[in-house]
Amino acid sequence: MRWLLALLAPFALLACSSEPRPADPALWRVDGPGGKRAWLFGTIHAAKQPLAWQTPTVRQALEQSDTIMVEVANLAEEAEVSATFARLAKSEGQPPLSRRVDSDERQALAMLLGKSGYRDSDFAAMDTWAAALILARAGASEEDARNGVDRAVIAEAGERPVVELEGAARQLGLFDALPEAEQRDLLGAVVLEASRSDADLAESWRTGDMEAIEKETRRGLLADPELREILFTGRNRAWTGKVTAAMKSGQTPFVAVGAAHMAGPQGLPAMLAARGYTVTRAE
């Protein structure tokens, strides 16, 4: 899955698969005043095969938590999410996609459209951001999304409340609110990243290599300052506020979001540490 999708909860049904691959993903313990605690768990939203993500440490953290916090809680409500996407994405009189990217990106766009089975004119009734998301997902199978760890975390919630940090409407609304120039930057980034392999992301997540993940979040669309603020830094800042509010209210949340959101000085662990919390990478 491309790095754009590492930032977004994909919308597909949870399914069971066999032969899970061992993993040792990154987990942090957050300690606050009065013994208050939270856990931060970096997920991967899609994978080529099932992943055995429940290490003993992760399992213990889950058992100690009384609330599950995720980006989008209703991942299984496919029809509802699809309706939200269709409503926000609808637009009239848009030019062909080839006129919404720079001239030096048009050949790469044509190749991506050909691989994806779309025509240049197929997005005339769709906002540029929505076309970008569709093309970003074009190379991913439903099975990849079904192997997403965030879905598995939600399935483990049991009777505990599952709290949305964002929700599908809010998440998609971030894109819908982008100025057209930024939407076209997003489309251009998707086109340029289409030829890159996703294997490095999956392997970095599986081994908990946050240095590699942080390095990758400095490339592509997140190298654009405006897109980075909207899609990464600003969202992390908002989520940090929700996590601290939950802790102050006496909850012990298990926060499961895309691992990219945990990376670097603008990631959730760093933002919580900047607010005075003690954040420790769990072994």
Protein backbone atom coordinates (compact mmCIF):
# COMPACT_ATOMS: atom_id res chain seq x y z
CA MET A 1 0.00 0.00 0.00
CA ARG A 2 1.36 3.38 -0.92
CA TRP A 3 2.29 5.95 1.70
CA LEU A 4 -0.90 7.90 1.12
CA LEU A 5 -2.82 4.88 2.33
CA ALA A 6 -0.52 4.51 5.31
CA LEU A 7 -2.13 7.74 6.50
CA LEU A 8 -5.72 6.71 5.88
CA ALA A 9 -7.87 3.92 7.26
CA PRO A 10 -8.90 1.87 4.21
CA PHE A 11 -12.55 0.95 3.92
CA ALA A 12 -13.11 -2.78 3.43
CA LEU A 13 -14.60 -5.67 5.36
CA LEU A 14 -12.63 -7.71 7.85
CA ALA A 15 -12.00 -11.27 6.77
CA CYS A 16 -10.23 -14.24 8.28
CA SER A 17 -7.13 -15.69 6.64
CA SER A 18 -4.60 -18.38 7.45
CA GLU A 19 -0.82 -18.58 7.70
CA PRO A 20 -0.13 -15.28 9.51
CA ARG A 21 3.38 -13.88 9.21
CA PRO A 22 5.18 -13.09 12.50
CA ALA A 23 5.54 -9.41 13.32
CA ASP A 24 7.05 -7.26 16.04
CA PRO A 25 5.39 -3.85 15.52
CA ALA A 26 6.13 -0.69 17.46
CA LEU A 27 4.29 -0.01 20.72
CA TRP A 28 4.69 2.83 23.24
CA ARG A 29 3.56 3.24 26.85
CA VAL A 30 2.42 6.72 27.83
CA ASP A 31 2.49 7.59 31.56
CA GLY A 32 0.94 10.67 33.06
CA PRO A 33 0.29 12.18 36.50
CA GLY A 34 -1.52 10.05 39.04
CA GLY A 35 -0.66 6.77 37.37
CA LYS A 36 -2.67 7.56 34.24
CA ARG A 37 -1.62 5.50 31.24
CA ALA A 38 -2.21 5.01 27.54
CA TRP A 39 -0.76 2.77 24.86
CA LEU A 40 0.17 3.82 21.33
CA PHE A 41 0.20 1.10 18.69
CA GLY A 42 1.27 1.71 15.11
CA THR A 43 -0.83 -0.32 12.67
CA ILE A 44 -0.60 -1.11 9.00
CA HIS A 45 -3.83 -0.65 7.07
CA ALA A 46 -3.17 -3.33 4.44
CA ALA A 47 -0.81 -6.25 3.87
CA LYS A 48 -0.24 -8.96 1.29
CA GLN A 49 -0.76 -11.67 3.91
CA PRO A 50 -2.12 -11.93 7.46
CA LEU A 51 0.18 -10.73 10.22
CA ALA A 52 0.64 -12.19 13.69
CA TRP A 53 0.69 -8.76 15.31
CA GLN A 54 -0.31 -9.79 18.85
CA THR A 55 3.06 -10.16 20.50
CA PRO A 56 2.96 -10.86 24.26
CA THR A 57 3.69 -7.18 24.91
CA VAL A 58 0.89 -5.98 22.63
CA ARG A 59 -1.51 -8.52 24.12
CA GLN A 60 -0.70 -7.33 27.64
CA ALA A 61 -1.23 -3.71 26.62
CA LEU A 62 -4.60 -4.58 25.12
CA GLU A 63 -5.63 -6.40 28.28
CA GLN A 64 -4.67 -3.41 30.44
CA SER A 65 -6.72 -0.99 28.33
CA ASP A 66 -10.37 -0.14 28.85
CA THR A 67 -10.93 1.85 25.64
CA ILE A 68 -9.88 1.32 22.02
CA MET A 69 -9.16 4.46 20.02
CA VAL A 70 -8.89 4.20 16.21
CA GLU A 71 -9.01 6.50 13.21
CA VAL A 72 -12.32 5.13 11.89
CA ALA A 73 -14.53 2.80 13.93
CA ASN A 74 -17.09 1.69 11.32
CA LEU A 75 -14.70 0.06 8.86
CA ALA A 76 -17.16 -2.79 8.33
CA GLU A 77 -19.97 -0.42 7.35
CA GLU A 78 -18.89 -0.37 3.72
CA ALA A 79 -22.13 1.03 2.29
CA GLU A 80 -22.17 3.95 4.71
CA VAL A 81 -18.56 4.88 4.02
CA SER A 82 -19.04 4.52 0.25
CA ALA A 83 -22.05 6.83 0.39
CA THR A 84 -19.99 9.42 2.27
CA PHE A 85 -17.24 9.20 -0.32
CA ALA A 86 -19.68 9.53 -3.22
CA ARG A 87 -21.37 12.54 -1.66
CA LEU A 88 -18.14 14.41 -1.00
CA ALA A 89 -16.43 13.39 -4.23
CA LYS A 90 -19.18 14.48 -6.59
CA SER A 91 -18.31 17.37 -8.87
CA GLU A 92 -19.48 18.58 -12.27
CA GLY A 93 -17.60 19.82 -15.30
CA GLN A 94 -14.11 18.75 -14.26
CA PRO A 95 -11.48 18.49 -17.01
CA PRO A 96 -9.83 15.17 -17.86
CA LEU A 97 -7.20 14.11 -15.33
CA SER A 98 -4.40 14.73 -17.82
CA ARG A 99 -5.21 18.44 -17.59
CA ARG A 100 -5.01 18.32 -13.79
CA VAL A 101 -1.36 17.24 -13.61
CA ASP A 102 1.81 18.90 -14.85
CA SER A 103 2.80 18.12 -18.42
CA ASP A 104 5.82 16.10 -17.31
CA GLU A 105 3.54 13.82 -15.25
CA ARG A 106 1.10 12.98 -18.02
CA GLN A 107 2.94 9.96 -19.38
CA ALA A 108 3.12 8.43 -15.90
CA LEU A 109 -0.57 9.21 -15.40
CA ALA A 110 -1.45 7.51 -18.69
CA MET A 111 0.46 4.41 -17.58
CA LEU A 112 -1.30 4.38 -14.21
CA LEU A 113 -4.71 4.81 -15.85
CA GLY A 114 -3.94 1.96 -18.23
CA LYS A 115 -2.90 -0.35 -15.41
CA SER A 116 -5.96 0.61 -13.39
CA GLY A 117 -8.47 0.17 -16.20
CA TYR A 118 -9.62 3.79 -16.21
CA ARG A 119 -9.83 6.36 -19.00
CA ASP A 120 -8.66 9.95 -18.83
CA SER A 121 -12.26 11.18 -19.01
CA ASP A 122 -13.70 8.84 -16.36
CA PHE A 123 -13.32 11.39 -13.55
CA ALA A 124 -15.15 14.34 -15.12
CA ALA A 125 -17.80 14.22 -12.38
CA MET A 126 -15.34 13.76 -9.54
CA ASP A 127 -13.13 16.04 -7.46
CA THR A 128 -9.40 15.74 -8.01
CA TRP A 129 -8.72 14.46 -4.47
CA ALA A 130 -11.22 11.64 -4.97
CA ALA A 131 -9.62 10.62 -8.27
CA ALA A 132 -6.25 10.57 -6.50
CA LEU A 133 -7.56 8.26 -3.75
CA ILE A 134 -9.15 5.91 -6.26
CA LEU A 135 -5.93 5.66 -8.26
CA ALA A 136 -3.91 5.18 -5.08
CA ARG A 137 -6.10 2.21 -4.20
CA ALA A 138 -6.13 0.80 -7.73
CA GLY A 139 -3.17 -1.51 -7.20
CA ALA A 140 -4.40 -2.90 -3.89
CA SER A 141 -6.64 -5.91 -3.60
CA GLU A 142 -9.53 -6.29 -1.17
CA GLU A 143 -7.57 -9.08 0.48
CA ASP A 144 -4.72 -6.63 1.23
CA ALA A 145 -7.15 -4.38 3.09
CA ARG A 146 -8.73 -7.32 4.89
CA ASN A 147 -5.32 -8.11 6.36
CA GLY A 148 -5.15 -4.62 7.89
CA VAL A 149 -4.21 -4.66 11.56
CA ASP A 150 -6.53 -1.82 12.54
CA ARG A 151 -9.51 -4.02 11.70
CA ALA A 152 -8.09 -6.80 13.83
CA VAL A 153 -7.67 -4.43 16.77
CA ILE A 154 -11.31 -3.37 16.49
CA ALA A 155 -12.32 -7.02 16.43
CA GLU A 156 -10.44 -7.53 19.72
CA ALA A 157 -12.34 -4.73 21.49
CA GLY A 158 -15.01 -7.04 22.87
CA GLU A 159 -17.26 -5.09 25.25
CA ARG A 160 -14.90 -2.16 25.44
CA PRO A 161 -15.92 1.08 23.70
CA VAL A 162 -14.30 1.82 20.33
CA VAL A 163 -13.75 5.56 20.06
CA GLU A 164 -13.12 7.31 16.75
CA LEU A 165 -10.30 9.80 16.64
CA GLU A 166 -11.55 11.04 13.32
CA GLY A 167 -14.24 9.05 11.50
CA ALA A 168 -14.75 8.47 7.79
CA ALA A 169 -16.64 11.71 7.10
CA ARG A 170 -14.03 13.83 8.84
CA GLN A 171 -11.16 11.93 7.23
CA LEU A 172 -12.54 12.29 3.72
CA GLY A 173 -13.62 15.85 4.48
CA LEU A 174 -9.98 16.83 4.97
CA PHE A 175 -9.39 16.06 1.32
CA ASP A 176 -12.62 17.67 0.15
CA ALA A 177 -11.60 20.91 1.85
CA LEU A 178 -8.23 21.10 0.09
CA PRO A 179 -7.84 23.96 -2.39
CA GLU A 180 -7.77 22.71 -5.98
CA ALA A 181 -4.06 23.45 -6.26
CA GLU A 182 -3.33 21.16 -3.31
CA GLN A 183 -5.66 18.49 -4.69
CA ARG A 184 -3.63 18.52 -7.88
CA ASP A 185 -0.41 18.26 -5.89
CA LEU A 186 -1.94 15.21 -4.23
CA LEU A 187 -2.81 13.67 -7.59
CA GLY A 188 0.69 14.36 -8.86
CA ALA A 189 2.22 12.68 -5.82
CA VAL A 190 0.04 9.59 -6.31
CA VAL A 191 1.07 9.38 -9.96
CA LEU A 192 4.76 9.65 -9.13
CA GLU A 193 4.55 7.11 -6.30
CA ALA A 194 2.56 4.57 -8.32
CA SER A 195 5.66 2.81 -9.60
CA ARG A 196 7.22 2.40 -6.17
CA SER A 197 7.14 -0.91 -4.34
CA ASP A 198 5.15 -1.14 -1.10
CA ALA A 199 7.25 -3.97 0.28
CA ASP A 200 9.53 -1.65 2.25
CA LEU A 201 6.59 -0.16 4.17
CA ALA A 202 5.26 -3.57 5.15
CA GLU A 203 8.68 -4.82 6.20
CA SER A 204 9.47 -1.67 8.18
CA TRP A 205 6.17 -2.00 10.02
CA ARG A 206 6.66 -5.72 10.64
CA THR A 207 10.06 -5.15 12.25
CA GLY A 208 9.08 -1.96 14.09
CA ASP A 209 11.68 0.07 12.18
CA MET A 210 10.42 3.56 12.97
CA GLU A 211 13.58 5.19 11.64
CA ALA A 212 12.83 3.81 8.18
CA ILE A 213 9.17 4.79 8.45
CA GLU A 214 10.07 8.32 9.52
CA LYS A 215 12.45 8.64 6.57
CA GLU A 216 9.71 7.64 4.15
CA THR A 217 7.23 10.13 5.61
CA ARG A 218 9.57 12.91 4.48
CA ARG A 219 9.15 11.93 0.85
CA GLY A 220 6.40 12.15 -1.73
CA LEU A 221 3.20 13.97 -0.83
CA LEU A 222 4.32 14.63 2.76
CA ALA A 223 7.26 16.64 1.45
CA ASP A 224 4.70 19.25 0.39
CA PRO A 225 4.39 21.60 3.42
CA GLU A 226 0.67 22.30 2.99
CA LEU A 227 -0.27 18.66 2.49
CA ARG A 228 1.95 17.60 5.37
CA GLU A 229 0.23 20.03 7.75
CA ILE A 230 -3.26 18.91 6.74
CA LEU A 231 -2.75 15.17 6.35
CA PHE A 232 -0.11 14.51 8.98
CA THR A 233 0.90 17.16 11.51
CA GLY A 234 -2.53 18.72 12.02
CA ARG A 235 -4.23 15.37 12.45
CA ASN A 236 -1.59 14.19 14.92
CA ARG A 237 -2.04 17.38 16.91
CA ALA A 238 -5.82 16.88 17.08
CA TRP A 239 -5.46 13.23 18.08
CA THR A 240 -2.94 14.11 20.78
CA GLY A 241 -5.58 16.33 22.37
CA LYS A 242 -8.12 13.51 22.32
CA VAL A 243 -5.69 11.01 23.82
CA THR A 244 -4.75 13.35 26.68
CA ALA A 245 -8.41 14.16 27.32
CA ALA A 246 -9.17 10.44 27.60
CA MET A 247 -6.31 9.93 30.03
CA LYS A 248 -7.36 12.89 32.16
CA SER A 249 -10.88 11.46 32.36
CA GLY A 250 -9.48 8.27 33.89
CA GLN A 251 -9.52 6.06 30.80
CA THR A 252 -6.64 3.80 29.76
CA PRO A 253 -6.85 3.95 25.96
CA PHE A 254 -5.19 1.63 23.48
CA VAL A 255 -4.59 3.97 20.55
CA ALA A 256 -4.21 2.13 17.24
CA VAL A 257 -3.49 4.30 14.20
CA GLY A 258 -1.30 4.01 11.12
CA ALA A 259 2.37 3.62 12.07
CA ALA A 260 3.30 6.64 9.95
CA HIS A 261 1.49 8.80 12.51
CA MET A 262 3.93 7.62 15.18
CA ALA A 263 7.05 8.69 13.29
CA GLY A 264 9.43 11.54 13.99
CA PRO A 265 9.18 14.80 15.92
CA GLN A 266 5.63 15.43 14.67
CA GLY A 267 4.38 11.95 15.51
CA LEU A 268 2.03 11.11 18.37
CA PRO A 269 4.75 9.86 20.77
CA ALA A 270 6.78 13.05 20.32
CA MET A 271 3.73 15.31 20.68
CA LEU A 272 2.66 13.59 23.89
CA ALA A 273 6.20 13.84 25.26
CA ALA A 274 6.18 17.56 24.44
CA ARG A 275 3.08 17.90 26.64
CA GLY A 276 4.97 16.47 29.60
CA TYR A 277 3.94 12.83 29.40
CA THR A 278 6.54 10.08 29.77
CA VAL A 279 6.57 8.09 26.53
CA THR A 280 8.53 4.84 26.45
CA ARG A 281 8.99 2.45 23.55
CA ALA A 282 7.83 -0.93 24.79
CA GLU A 283 10.10 -3.95 24.38
